[in-house]
Protein backbone atom coordinates (compact mmCIF):
# COMPACT_ATOMS: atom_id res chain seq x y z
CA MET A 1 -230.72 181.58 23.49
CA HIS A 2 -229.51 182.01 27.04
CA PRO A 3 -226.22 180.19 27.72
CA ILE A 4 -227.66 178.32 30.70
CA VAL A 5 -230.65 177.07 28.69
CA ARG A 6 -228.33 176.04 25.86
CA ALA A 7 -226.13 174.07 28.26
CA LEU A 8 -229.15 172.27 29.77
CA ALA A 9 -230.40 171.30 26.28
CA VAL A 10 -227.03 169.84 25.28
CA ALA A 11 -226.85 167.88 28.54
CA ALA A 12 -230.33 166.45 27.93
CA LEU A 13 -229.35 165.32 24.42
CA PHE A 14 -226.22 163.58 25.73
CA GLN A 15 -228.25 161.82 28.45
CA LEU A 16 -230.81 160.58 25.88
CA ALA A 17 -228.07 159.25 23.58
CA PHE A 18 -226.40 157.46 26.52
CA ASP A 19 -229.67 155.76 27.57
CA VAL A 20 -230.35 154.48 24.04
CA ALA A 21 -226.83 153.09 23.69
CA ALA A 22 -227.00 151.39 27.07
CA GLN A 23 -230.33 149.74 26.22
CA THR A 24 -228.96 148.50 22.87
CA ILE A 25 -225.87 146.99 24.51
CA THR A 26 -227.77 145.18 27.27
CA SER A 27 -230.67 143.81 25.21
CA GLY A 28 -228.86 143.16 21.88
CA PRO A 29 -230.65 142.75 18.54
CA THR A 30 -233.98 140.96 18.78
CA SER A 31 -234.56 140.06 15.17
CA THR A 32 -231.34 138.25 14.30
CA PRO A 33 -230.51 135.03 16.21
CA THR A 34 -226.91 134.22 16.99
CA ALA A 35 -225.53 131.25 15.10
CA LEU A 36 -222.17 129.52 15.02
CA PRO A 37 -220.32 130.10 11.73
CA ILE A 38 -219.98 126.37 11.00
CA THR A 39 -217.95 125.65 7.89
CA ALA A 40 -217.07 121.98 8.43
CA VAL A 41 -217.28 119.22 11.06
CA SER A 42 -214.61 116.61 11.74
CA ASP A 43 -213.56 113.93 14.22
CA CYS A 44 -216.68 111.97 13.23
CA HIS A 45 -217.26 108.76 15.16
CA ALA A 46 -219.96 106.10 15.55
CA ASP A 47 -222.08 106.03 18.69
CA GLY A 48 -224.11 102.85 18.50
CA THR A 49 -226.08 103.14 15.28
CA GLU A 50 -225.63 106.93 15.07
CA GLN A 51 -222.75 109.16 13.96
CA HIS A 52 -221.53 112.21 15.82
CA CYS A 53 -219.05 114.88 14.67
CA MET A 54 -217.24 117.74 16.36
CA TYR A 55 -216.98 121.46 15.61
CA GLY A 56 -214.82 123.08 18.22
CA SER A 57 -216.12 121.83 21.56
CA SER A 58 -219.67 121.22 20.29
CA THR A 59 -221.01 117.79 19.31
CA TYR A 60 -223.33 117.37 16.36
CA HIS A 61 -225.48 114.40 15.32
CA ILE A 62 -225.34 113.54 11.63
CA VAL A 63 -228.83 112.61 10.43
CA GLY A 64 -228.88 109.68 8.02
CA PRO A 65 -225.84 107.37 8.21
CA THR A 66 -226.31 104.18 10.23
CA LYS A 67 -224.36 100.95 10.55
CA THR A 68 -225.81 99.81 7.24
CA GLU A 69 -224.64 102.98 5.46
CA GLU A 70 -221.27 104.59 4.83
CA MET A 71 -219.94 106.84 7.63
CA GLU A 72 -217.35 109.48 6.77
CA SER A 73 -214.70 111.09 8.93
CA GLN A 74 -215.66 114.68 8.07
CA TYR A 75 -218.28 116.79 6.26
CA THR A 76 -217.51 120.13 4.60
CA ASP A 77 -219.19 123.14 2.94
CA CYS A 78 -221.70 123.53 5.77
CA HIS A 79 -224.61 125.87 5.04
CA ILE A 80 -228.01 126.86 6.38
CA HIS A 81 -231.44 126.19 4.82
CA GLY A 82 -234.03 128.08 6.82
CA SER A 83 -233.51 127.06 10.44
CA GLU A 84 -231.63 123.82 9.62
CA THR A 85 -227.90 123.27 9.08
CA PHE A 86 -226.53 120.99 6.35
CA CYS A 87 -223.05 119.87 5.33
CA VAL A 88 -221.84 118.06 2.22
CA ASN A 89 -220.36 114.55 2.14
CA SER A 90 -217.75 113.19 -0.27
CA HIS A 91 -220.47 112.34 -2.81
CA GLY A 92 -221.74 115.92 -2.93
CA GLU A 93 -224.92 115.04 -1.00
CA ASP A 94 -226.36 117.11 1.84
CA VAL A 95 -226.50 115.65 5.35
CA GLN A 96 -228.28 117.40 8.20
CA LEU A 97 -226.62 118.39 11.47
CA LEU A 98 -228.41 118.42 14.78
CA VAL A 99 -226.93 119.83 17.96
CA GLU A 100 -227.36 117.42 20.86
CA GLY A 101 -230.38 118.66 22.80
CA GLU A 102 -231.99 120.02 19.66
CA GLU A 103 -232.42 116.42 18.43
CA GLU A 104 -234.81 115.52 21.23
CA HIS A 105 -236.75 118.70 20.62
CA SER A 106 -236.93 117.92 16.91
CA GLU A 107 -238.24 114.40 17.57
CA GLU A 108 -240.85 115.72 19.98
CA GLU A 109 -242.02 118.25 17.39
CA GLN A 110 -242.19 115.51 14.74
CA GLU A 111 -244.27 113.29 17.06
CA HIS A 112 -246.54 116.25 17.75
CA GLU A 113 -246.94 116.94 14.03
CA GLU A 114 -247.74 113.29 13.31
CA SER A 115 -250.05 112.87 16.31
CA GLY A 116 -253.02 113.48 14.06
CA LYS A 117 -252.21 110.35 12.07
CA ASN A 118 -253.38 106.83 12.78
CA CYS A 119 -250.74 104.62 11.17
CA HIS A 120 -250.14 100.89 11.05
CA PHE A 121 -247.91 98.59 9.09
CA HIS A 122 -249.14 95.77 6.88
CA ALA A 123 -246.59 93.66 5.01
CA GLY A 124 -243.97 96.40 5.26
CA VAL A 125 -246.32 99.12 4.02
CA GLU A 126 -247.24 101.95 6.40
CA HIS A 127 -250.91 102.97 6.11
CA CYS A 128 -251.87 106.29 7.70
CA VAL A 129 -255.27 107.87 8.17
CA GLY A 130 -255.59 111.59 9.00
CA GLY A 131 -252.84 114.16 9.43
CA ALA A 132 -250.99 115.94 6.67
CA ASP A 133 -250.56 114.06 3.42
CA GLU A 134 -247.02 113.47 2.26
CA GLU A 135 -245.70 112.67 -1.16
CA PRO A 136 -245.76 108.85 -1.44
CA THR A 137 -242.57 106.98 -2.22
CA CYS A 138 -242.41 103.48 -3.68
CA GLU A 139 -238.71 102.91 -3.12
CA LEU A 140 -237.26 100.65 -0.46
CA ASN A 141 -237.67 102.42 2.89
CA VAL A 142 -234.47 101.82 4.85
CA ARG A 143 -235.27 101.57 8.55
CA HIS A 144 -233.38 100.53 11.66
CA TYR A 145 -234.54 97.10 12.80
CA ASN A 146 -233.88 95.57 16.20
CA VAL A 147 -233.16 92.05 14.95
CA PRO A 148 -232.34 90.40 18.34
CA LEU A 149 -235.70 91.60 19.69
CA ARG A 150 -237.50 90.10 16.70
CA ILE A 151 -235.73 86.77 17.11
CA GLY A 152 -236.61 86.61 20.79
CA LEU A 153 -240.26 87.48 20.27
CA LEU A 154 -240.49 84.81 17.56
CA PHE A 155 -240.48 82.22 20.35
CA VAL A 156 -243.11 84.18 22.28
CA ILE A 157 -245.44 83.96 19.27
CA LEU A 158 -244.67 80.23 19.00
CA VAL A 159 -245.65 79.60 22.63
CA THR A 160 -248.76 81.80 22.41
CA SER A 161 -250.01 80.11 19.25
CA ALA A 162 -249.36 76.69 20.76
CA ILE A 163 -251.31 77.54 23.92
CA GLY A 164 -254.28 78.70 21.88
CA VAL A 165 -254.49 75.75 19.50
CA PHE A 166 -253.48 72.88 21.80
CA SER A 167 -255.64 73.81 24.82
CA PRO A 168 -259.05 72.75 23.40
CA ILE A 169 -257.59 69.50 22.01
CA LEU A 170 -256.01 68.55 25.32
CA LEU A 171 -259.14 69.48 27.27
CA THR A 172 -261.37 67.24 25.15
CA SER A 173 -258.84 64.39 25.07
CA PHE A 174 -257.77 64.16 28.72
CA THR A 175 -260.77 65.50 30.63
CA ARG A 176 -264.44 64.63 30.80
CA MET A 177 -265.31 67.69 28.77
CA SER A 178 -267.47 66.69 25.82
CA GLN A 179 -268.64 68.73 22.87
CA ARG A 180 -271.88 69.45 24.71
CA HIS A 181 -270.10 70.89 27.74
CA ILE A 182 -270.92 74.56 28.21
CA VAL A 183 -267.22 75.57 28.24
CA PHE A 184 -266.64 73.82 24.91
CA VAL A 185 -269.73 75.53 23.47
CA MET A 186 -268.40 78.91 24.60
CA LEU A 187 -264.99 78.26 23.05
CA LYS A 188 -266.46 77.05 19.78
CA GLN A 189 -268.81 80.02 19.37
CA PHE A 190 -266.09 82.46 20.36
CA GLY A 191 -263.92 80.85 17.70
CA THR A 192 -266.71 81.21 15.15
CA GLY A 193 -266.83 84.94 15.79
CA VAL A 194 -263.04 85.15 15.52
CA VAL A 195 -262.99 83.38 12.14
CA ILE A 196 -265.77 85.55 10.66
CA SER A 197 -264.16 88.78 11.91
CA THR A 198 -260.76 87.69 10.62
CA ALA A 199 -262.23 87.12 7.17
CA PHE A 200 -263.94 90.50 6.81
CA VAL A 201 -262.28 92.97 9.19
CA HIS A 202 -258.68 91.79 8.83
CA LEU A 203 -258.12 89.95 5.56
CA PHE A 204 -260.64 91.63 3.25
CA THR A 205 -259.72 95.09 4.55
CA HIS A 206 -255.99 94.43 4.22
CA ALA A 207 -256.48 93.16 0.67
CA GLN A 208 -258.30 96.38 -0.18
CA LEU A 209 -255.42 98.41 1.30
CA MET A 210 -252.91 96.51 -0.79
CA PHE A 211 -254.84 96.88 -4.06
CA ALA A 212 -255.46 100.57 -3.30
CA ASN A 213 -251.73 101.24 -2.83
CA GLU A 214 -250.65 104.21 -4.96
CA CYS A 215 -247.48 102.38 -5.95
CA LEU A 216 -249.61 99.79 -7.75
CA GLY A 217 -251.33 102.46 -9.79
CA GLU A 218 -254.99 102.60 -10.69
CA LEU A 219 -256.48 99.16 -11.27
CA GLU A 220 -258.37 98.71 -14.52
CA TYR A 221 -260.67 96.29 -12.68
CA GLU A 222 -261.84 98.06 -9.55
CA ALA A 223 -263.53 94.99 -8.05
CA ALA A 224 -260.27 93.02 -7.84
CA THR A 225 -260.52 92.47 -4.08
CA ALA A 226 -264.13 91.28 -4.24
CA ALA A 227 -263.39 89.04 -7.24
CA VAL A 228 -260.48 87.27 -5.53
CA PHE A 229 -262.58 86.99 -2.36
CA MET A 230 -265.34 85.34 -4.36
CA ALA A 231 -262.78 82.98 -5.90
CA GLY A 232 -261.69 81.88 -2.41
CA LEU A 233 -265.32 81.38 -1.44
CA PHE A 234 -266.05 79.28 -4.52
CA LEU A 235 -262.82 77.31 -4.17
CA SER A 236 -263.76 76.35 -0.61
CA PHE A 237 -267.22 75.26 -1.74
CA LEU A 238 -265.76 73.27 -4.64
CA VAL A 239 -263.23 71.45 -2.45
CA GLU A 240 -265.86 70.45 0.09
CA TYR A 241 -268.39 69.45 -2.56
CA LEU A 242 -265.95 67.31 -4.52
CA GLY A 243 -264.64 65.83 -1.28
CA ALA A 244 -268.17 64.88 -0.21
CA ARG A 245 -268.87 63.33 -3.60
CA PHE A 246 -265.62 61.36 -3.42
CA VAL A 247 -266.46 60.01 0.05
CA LEU A 248 -269.95 59.08 -1.11
CA TRP A 249 -268.54 57.32 -4.19
CA ARG A 250 -266.19 55.24 -2.05
CA GLN A 251 -269.03 54.32 0.31
CA ASN A 252 -271.29 53.26 -2.55
CA LYS A 253 -268.48 51.22 -4.06
CA ALA A 254 -267.89 49.48 -0.73
CA THR A 255 -271.64 48.86 -0.35
CA GLN A 256 -271.85 47.27 -3.79
CA SER A 257 -268.92 45.00 -2.99
CA ASP A 258 -270.58 43.90 0.26
CA THR A 259 -273.87 43.29 -1.53
CA GLU A 260 -272.26 41.10 -4.17
CA ASP A 261 -270.48 39.03 -1.55
CA ARG A 262 -273.58 38.67 0.56
CA SER A 263 -276.01 35.85 -0.22
CA GLN A 264 -279.66 36.45 -0.94
CA PRO A 265 -281.40 37.79 2.14
CA THR A 266 -283.61 35.35 4.04
CA VAL A 267 -286.67 35.94 6.13
CA ASP A 268 -284.46 36.07 9.21
CA ALA A 269 -282.60 39.03 7.75
CA LYS A 270 -285.79 40.97 7.35
CA SER A 271 -288.32 42.27 9.79
CA ILE A 272 -291.78 43.70 9.53
CA THR A 273 -292.31 47.21 10.87
CA PRO A 274 -295.08 47.28 13.49
CA ASP A 275 -296.70 50.43 12.11
CA SER A 276 -297.01 49.81 8.39
CA GLY A 277 -296.43 46.13 8.04
CA GLU A 278 -293.87 46.80 5.31
CA VAL A 279 -290.87 44.57 4.89
CA ARG A 280 -287.59 46.30 5.85
CA ASP A 281 -284.13 45.09 5.04
CA THR A 282 -282.44 45.46 8.43
CA ALA A 283 -278.94 44.86 7.11
CA ARG A 284 -279.28 47.51 4.38
CA SER A 285 -280.74 50.03 6.85
CA ASP A 286 -277.82 49.52 9.20
CA ASP A 287 -275.39 49.96 6.33
CA GLN A 288 -277.02 53.22 5.32
CA GLU A 289 -276.86 54.57 8.84
CA THR A 290 -273.20 53.58 9.13
CA HIS A 291 -272.31 55.14 5.81
CA GLY A 292 -274.18 58.31 6.71
CA TYR A 293 -272.26 58.47 9.98
CA VAL A 294 -268.94 57.99 8.22
CA GLN A 295 -269.80 60.60 5.59
CA SER A 296 -270.79 63.14 8.23
CA HIS A 297 -267.45 62.84 10.01
CA ALA A 298 -265.56 62.87 6.72
CA ASP A 299 -267.29 66.14 5.84
CA GLU A 300 -266.38 67.62 9.22
CA GLN A 301 -262.74 66.62 8.80
CA LEU A 302 -262.64 68.13 5.31
CA GLY A 303 -264.18 71.36 6.64
CA VAL A 304 -261.52 71.63 9.34
CA MET A 305 -258.78 71.07 6.76
CA VAL A 306 -260.21 73.87 4.60
CA LEU A 307 -260.29 76.13 7.67
CA GLU A 308 -256.69 75.33 8.49
CA ALA A 309 -255.61 76.04 4.90
CA GLY A 310 -257.09 79.54 5.08
CA VAL A 311 -255.61 80.14 8.52
CA ILE A 312 -252.16 78.98 7.39
CA PHE A 313 -252.05 81.46 4.48
CA HIS A 314 -253.14 84.21 6.82
CA SER A 315 -250.73 83.33 9.63
CA LEU A 316 -247.77 83.16 7.28
CA LEU A 317 -248.49 86.71 6.12
CA ILE A 318 -248.98 87.83 9.72
CA GLY A 319 -245.48 86.67 10.64
CA LEU A 320 -244.01 88.54 7.69
CA THR A 321 -246.07 91.64 8.51
CA LEU A 322 -244.88 91.71 12.09
CA VAL A 323 -241.17 91.44 11.33
CA VAL A 324 -240.92 94.01 8.53
CA ALA A 325 -242.84 96.67 10.48
CA GLY A 326 -240.66 99.56 11.64
CA ASP A 327 -239.44 99.73 15.22
CA SER A 328 -241.73 102.69 15.90
CA PHE A 329 -244.76 100.40 15.64
CA PHE A 330 -243.26 96.95 16.18
CA LEU A 331 -244.08 96.45 19.87
CA THR A 332 -247.64 97.71 19.46
CA LEU A 333 -248.21 95.40 16.51
CA PHE A 334 -246.59 92.52 18.40
CA ALA A 335 -249.02 92.87 21.32
CA VAL A 336 -251.95 92.83 18.89
CA ILE A 337 -250.61 89.79 17.01
CA VAL A 338 -250.18 87.85 20.27
CA PHE A 339 -253.89 88.15 21.05
CA HIS A 340 -254.78 87.63 17.39
CA GLN A 341 -252.93 84.32 17.19
CA MET A 342 -254.24 83.10 20.52
CA PHE A 343 -257.85 83.78 19.51
CA GLU A 344 -257.34 82.21 16.09
CA GLY A 345 -255.63 79.23 17.71
CA LEU A 346 -258.60 78.73 20.02
CA ALA A 347 -260.93 78.80 17.02
CA LEU A 348 -258.94 76.21 15.08
CA GLY A 349 -258.16 74.07 18.13
CA THR A 350 -261.84 73.88 19.07
CA CYS A 351 -262.75 72.66 15.58
CA ILE A 352 -259.94 70.09 15.63
CA GLY A 353 -260.92 68.93 19.11
CA ALA A 354 -264.52 68.44 17.97
CA LEU A 355 -263.47 65.81 15.41
CA SER A 356 -264.44 62.27 16.36
CA SER A 357 -261.57 60.33 17.92
CA ALA A 358 -262.86 57.21 16.18
CA HIS A 359 -261.98 58.69 12.79
CA VAL A 360 -259.16 61.15 13.61
CA THR A 361 -256.45 59.91 15.94
CA PHE A 362 -255.01 62.02 18.73
CA ALA A 363 -251.64 62.09 16.96
CA LYS A 364 -253.23 63.50 13.80
CA LYS A 365 -255.01 66.18 15.81
CA MET A 366 -251.75 67.19 17.45
CA LEU A 367 -250.04 67.30 14.05
CA MET A 368 -252.73 69.61 12.64
CA ALA A 369 -252.36 71.87 15.67
CA ALA A 370 -248.56 71.88 15.43
CA VAL A 371 -248.70 73.13 11.83
CA PHE A 372 -250.66 76.18 12.97
CA ALA A 373 -248.34 76.79 15.94
CA ILE A 374 -245.18 76.98 13.82
CA ILE A 375 -246.53 78.76 10.73
CA THR A 376 -246.44 82.32 12.13
CA PRO A 377 -242.89 81.93 13.53
CA LEU A 378 -241.95 80.53 10.12
CA GLY A 379 -243.30 83.70 8.49
CA MET A 380 -241.30 85.76 10.99
CA ALA A 381 -238.14 83.80 10.16
CA ILE A 382 -238.65 84.46 6.45
CA GLY A 383 -239.18 88.15 7.20
CA ILE A 384 -235.97 88.34 9.24
CA GLY A 385 -234.07 86.74 6.37
CA VAL A 386 -235.21 89.41 3.88
CA LEU A 387 -235.47 92.27 6.36
CA ASN A 388 -233.09 94.70 4.66
CA ASN A 389 -234.26 93.87 1.12
CA PHE A 390 -238.02 93.59 1.53
CA ASN A 391 -239.97 96.37 -0.17
CA GLY A 392 -243.66 96.25 0.65
CA ASN A 393 -244.32 98.88 -2.03
CA ASP A 394 -243.00 96.75 -4.88
CA LYS A 395 -245.77 96.02 -7.42
CA SER A 396 -245.26 92.27 -7.50
CA THR A 397 -245.21 92.14 -3.69
CA ILE A 398 -248.42 94.16 -3.45
CA ILE A 399 -250.23 91.92 -5.93
CA ALA A 400 -249.02 88.70 -4.27
CA ILE A 401 -249.93 89.73 -0.72
CA GLY A 402 -253.23 91.33 -1.74
CA THR A 403 -254.25 88.20 -3.65
CA LEU A 404 -253.38 85.87 -0.77
CA ASP A 405 -255.23 88.11 1.70
CA ALA A 406 -258.39 88.22 -0.41
CA LEU A 407 -258.22 84.48 -1.18
CA SER A 408 -257.80 83.63 2.51
CA ALA A 409 -260.69 85.97 3.34
CA GLY A 410 -262.97 84.01 1.00
CA ILE A 411 -261.88 80.68 2.51
CA LEU A 412 -262.45 81.82 6.10
CA ALA A 413 -265.76 83.47 5.19
CA TRP A 414 -267.04 80.16 3.79
CA VAL A 415 -265.85 78.18 6.80
CA GLY A 416 -267.02 80.72 9.35
CA LEU A 417 -270.47 81.36 7.89
CA VAL A 418 -271.36 77.95 6.41
CA GLU A 419 -269.37 75.32 8.27
CA MET A 420 -269.46 76.94 11.71
CA LEU A 421 -272.24 79.53 12.10
CA ALA A 422 -275.01 78.00 9.97
CA LYS A 423 -274.11 74.42 10.89
CA ASP A 424 -274.37 75.05 14.64
CA TRP A 425 -277.24 77.53 14.72
CA MET A 426 -279.44 76.56 11.76
CA HIS A 427 -278.82 72.82 11.41
CA GLY A 428 -277.16 71.86 14.68
CA PRO A 429 -277.79 71.54 18.40
CA LEU A 430 -278.13 75.28 19.09
CA ARG A 431 -281.29 75.38 16.99
CA ILE A 432 -283.20 73.47 19.69
CA SER A 433 -281.05 74.20 22.75
CA LYS A 434 -282.52 75.63 25.94
CA LEU A 435 -282.52 79.37 26.55
CA PRO A 436 -279.56 79.60 29.02
CA ARG A 437 -277.29 77.64 26.68
CA THR A 438 -278.46 79.68 23.71
CA VAL A 439 -277.77 82.98 25.49
CA VAL A 440 -274.28 81.88 26.59
CA ALA A 441 -273.46 80.71 23.05
CA MET A 442 -274.72 83.97 21.53
CA VAL A 443 -272.73 86.12 23.97
CA SER A 444 -269.58 84.10 23.18
CA LEU A 445 -270.20 84.50 19.45
CA VAL A 446 -270.59 88.28 19.73
CA ALA A 447 -267.53 88.48 22.00
CA GLY A 448 -265.42 86.79 19.33
CA LEU A 449 -266.75 89.14 16.66
CA VAL A 450 -266.19 92.28 18.75
CA LEU A 451 -262.76 91.49 20.20
CA MET A 452 -261.28 90.38 16.90
CA SER A 453 -262.78 93.39 15.14
CA LEU A 454 -261.28 95.66 17.81
CA LEU A 455 -257.83 94.25 17.07
CA GLY A 456 -258.39 95.31 13.47
CA LYS A 457 -257.77 98.91 14.54
CA TRP A 458 -254.06 98.16 14.93
CA ALA A 459 -253.46 95.12 12.70
């Protein structure tokens, strides 16, 4: 080979080798990410409810320990699993390290991964629909709870419930609004829809969720929810039937006593009907009308008391449900419960306000309303007291709450369908009311059904 050609070939090879080396130095390896050789972190300190540790000049967030758990001054034997870094505590357990900045990214990714789920809390149990299924756990789920916020919002629920239940009573007691007023009709029919929707959409559905909980296991009797619901229905019927029989027995006993004390009726105490010429005992007829009037109002009062009993069970569980829900869903659930309690308060308050003042005093009406107003805050107070020990996945808790939900559903179904819906529409004034009043009442009824059912999406 010619010397000049040989020299040019060697120069070309050197130039090619130089270009490759330069490219390697400037770009670096593309397949292997750089990582800090972390062996241990120290100088650990609390930052609010979180713990941060140092490695060199970098700050790391320790995932797991909170104020309610043990925080350590250092973590050793750090190692990598996949793309995550873990260190070992004094008990030989792994704790995860997150570099500040990566934590926000991790939370955003987690929210994105869980965006396909529709989750809500009921009695401390998180129910999710859609998204990726995870292995269920029945142990106590330790969460961070903002207790001061829960205590403050307890009074908000108290005021909201009071506004809902006291408003109809005060309107009928201190204004000219009667039971036949169109506003009162609207409130009563809206309340009827609320009670019916609460029974089926809220209580019955929640009872099914409780009895279907995987931590309870497979029930040998699959119709447990429907059976307890039927028991509540029958119990409501039995209470009202026996109450009506008792009132009738007392009236008959009083009538017999009056008859024995009364002397034999004279001609003056009788009158002849103009149509048939038959003799009619005027005194006995008046007594029957009076006793029928008294019995009617006694039945109405008993029906309202049955309604309040079902509402009280339900509201107590609502307060507990709200408090033990995790902070991630607490404010959303709180907003739903505020409307829920106001609507339910209007329903109960309208029924209480409709009671005759001649048989139920104003003070007794206010007392019945006050019991409803304080029952949900009472449930919240109980929940705050057991906040760190309450396990909604415990078998006994599931059975107790599911039974109360289904029982309350049966009670409210009886009251809503029989005492409120059928009584007003099939046997009451709305059966013969004029078209405008009928339309307004029907729209109010449907509005109560729809709005309360809509709230069932979140609570």
